[in-house]
C-alpha cells in the first residue's frame, strides 16, 4: 500500500466516500514532513483495507489546511464517515499514529 497524493477535489471526493481516511498535510519546505511521511509509509501496509492514506501538498493547495484550521505542519487529519474526527499537528511517531487509528477503527 502507498500514500495517495491528492489535490483538493480528489481529497473532497475521498472524504465523501465515508471510509476511514488519514490525510498527511505536508510541504516541501517543512523539515518534519519528510520524517512524518516515512512513519506513515512504514505503517500503512498494516492498515490495508481498513484505512486509506493520502497526502496533500499545502504549498499547492493552501485552502485545505485553512478549511480545517491547521496552522502548523506536519498535520494529520483523520476522517470517518465523511467527518473530521481528529487533527494531529507536529511530528507524530508510529505509536501515536497507531493509537489514533485504533480509536477510529475501534469505533467502527
Protein backbone atom coordinates (compact mmCIF):
# COMPACT_ATOMS: atom_id res chain seq x y z
CA UNK A 1 0.00 0.00 0.00
CA UNK A 2 1.12 3.57 -0.52
CA UNK A 3 0.11 7.12 0.24
CA UNK A 4 -2.02 8.72 -2.49
CA UNK A 5 -1.03 12.28 -3.38
CA UNK A 6 -4.24 14.24 -3.87
CA UNK A 7 -5.41 17.64 -4.99
CA UNK A 8 -8.29 19.43 -3.26
CA UNK A 9 -11.00 17.92 -5.49
CA UNK A 10 -9.70 14.38 -5.08
CA UNK A 11 -9.49 14.87 -1.32
CA UNK A 12 -13.09 16.07 -1.08
CA UNK A 13 -14.25 13.09 -3.15
CA UNK A 14 -12.33 10.70 -0.90
CA UNK A 15 -13.75 12.29 2.25
CA UNK A 16 -17.20 11.87 0.71
CA UNK A 17 -16.61 8.12 0.31
CA UNK A 18 -17.06 7.79 4.07
CA UNK A 19 -14.12 5.46 4.58
CA UNK A 20 -11.58 5.91 7.32
CA UNK A 21 -9.04 8.30 5.87
CA UNK A 22 -5.74 9.65 7.17
CA UNK A 23 -4.57 12.78 5.34
CA UNK A 24 -0.97 13.94 5.70
CA UNK A 25 -0.77 17.70 5.17
CA UNK A 26 2.77 18.42 4.06
CA UNK A 27 5.05 20.89 2.29
CA UNK A 28 8.49 20.65 0.71
CA UNK A 29 9.80 23.42 2.98
CA UNK A 30 8.68 21.64 6.18
CA UNK A 31 11.63 19.91 7.92
CA UNK A 32 9.46 17.39 9.81
CA UNK A 33 7.19 16.48 6.88
CA UNK A 34 9.67 14.02 5.34
CA UNK A 35 10.15 12.10 8.60
CA UNK A 36 6.35 12.11 9.14
CA UNK A 37 5.84 10.63 5.68
CA UNK A 38 8.42 7.93 6.47
CA UNK A 39 6.45 6.95 9.59
CA UNK A 40 3.26 6.67 7.54
CA UNK A 41 4.97 4.64 4.83
CA UNK A 42 6.23 2.19 7.46
CA UNK A 43 2.78 1.59 8.95
CA UNK A 44 0.34 1.98 6.05
CA UNK A 45 0.56 -1.68 4.96
CA UNK A 46 -0.66 -2.72 8.42
CA UNK A 47 -3.96 -0.94 7.71
CA UNK A 48 -4.63 -2.20 4.18
CA UNK A 49 -8.36 -2.49 3.63
CA UNK A 50 -9.12 -0.52 6.80
CA UNK A 51 -7.63 2.95 6.28
CA UNK A 52 -6.87 4.94 3.15
CA UNK A 53 -3.71 7.07 3.40
CA UNK A 54 -3.49 10.31 1.43
CA UNK A 55 -1.30 13.39 1.32
CA UNK A 56 -1.89 16.97 0.25
CA UNK A 57 0.88 19.42 -0.56
CA UNK A 58 -0.25 22.58 1.21
CA UNK A 59 2.10 24.65 -0.93
CA UNK A 60 -0.10 23.76 -3.90
CA UNK A 61 -3.42 23.64 -2.03
CA UNK A 62 -3.28 26.15 0.86
CA UNK A 63 -7.08 26.18 1.16
CA UNK A 64 -7.05 22.63 2.58
CA UNK A 65 -5.32 23.40 5.91
CA UNK A 66 -7.24 26.68 6.13
CA UNK A 67 -10.55 24.80 5.84
CA UNK A 68 -9.66 22.68 8.89
CA UNK A 69 -7.98 25.39 10.97
CA UNK A 70 -4.50 23.90 10.63
CA UNK A 71 -1.66 26.38 11.08
CA UNK A 72 1.31 24.07 11.76
CA UNK A 73 2.96 21.27 9.80
CA UNK A 74 3.15 18.40 9.56
CA UNK A 75 -0.50 17.74 10.32
CA UNK A 76 -2.56 14.57 10.14
CA UNK A 77 -6.31 14.75 9.58
CA UNK A 78 -8.35 11.67 10.48
CA UNK A 79 -11.76 11.26 8.87
CA UNK A 80 -14.52 8.73 9.38
CA UNK A 81 -17.94 8.69 7.74
CA UNK A 82 -17.06 11.91 5.93
CA UNK A 83 -16.40 13.82 9.15
CA UNK A 84 -13.14 15.08 10.62
CA UNK A 85 -12.64 13.13 13.83
CA UNK A 86 -9.19 14.28 14.90
CA UNK A 87 -6.35 16.56 13.80
CA UNK A 88 -2.79 15.95 14.98
CA UNK A 89 -0.22 18.69 14.42
CA UNK A 90 3.53 18.39 14.65
CA UNK A 91 5.57 15.25 14.06
CA UNK A 92 3.92 12.11 15.45
CA UNK A 93 5.72 8.81 15.83
CA UNK A 94 4.26 5.46 14.82
CA UNK A 95 2.87 4.58 18.30
CA UNK A 96 0.78 7.76 18.48
CA UNK A 97 -0.46 7.41 14.89
CA UNK A 98 -1.40 3.79 15.56
CA UNK A 99 -3.28 4.81 18.70
CA UNK A 100 -5.27 7.46 16.81
CA UNK A 101 -6.11 4.95 14.07
CA UNK A 102 -7.16 2.36 16.64
CA UNK A 103 -9.62 4.86 18.10
CA UNK A 104 -11.15 5.39 14.67
CA UNK A 105 -11.24 1.74 13.67
CA UNK A 106 -12.46 0.61 17.10
CA UNK A 107 -15.42 2.92 16.88
CA UNK A 108 -16.49 1.43 13.54
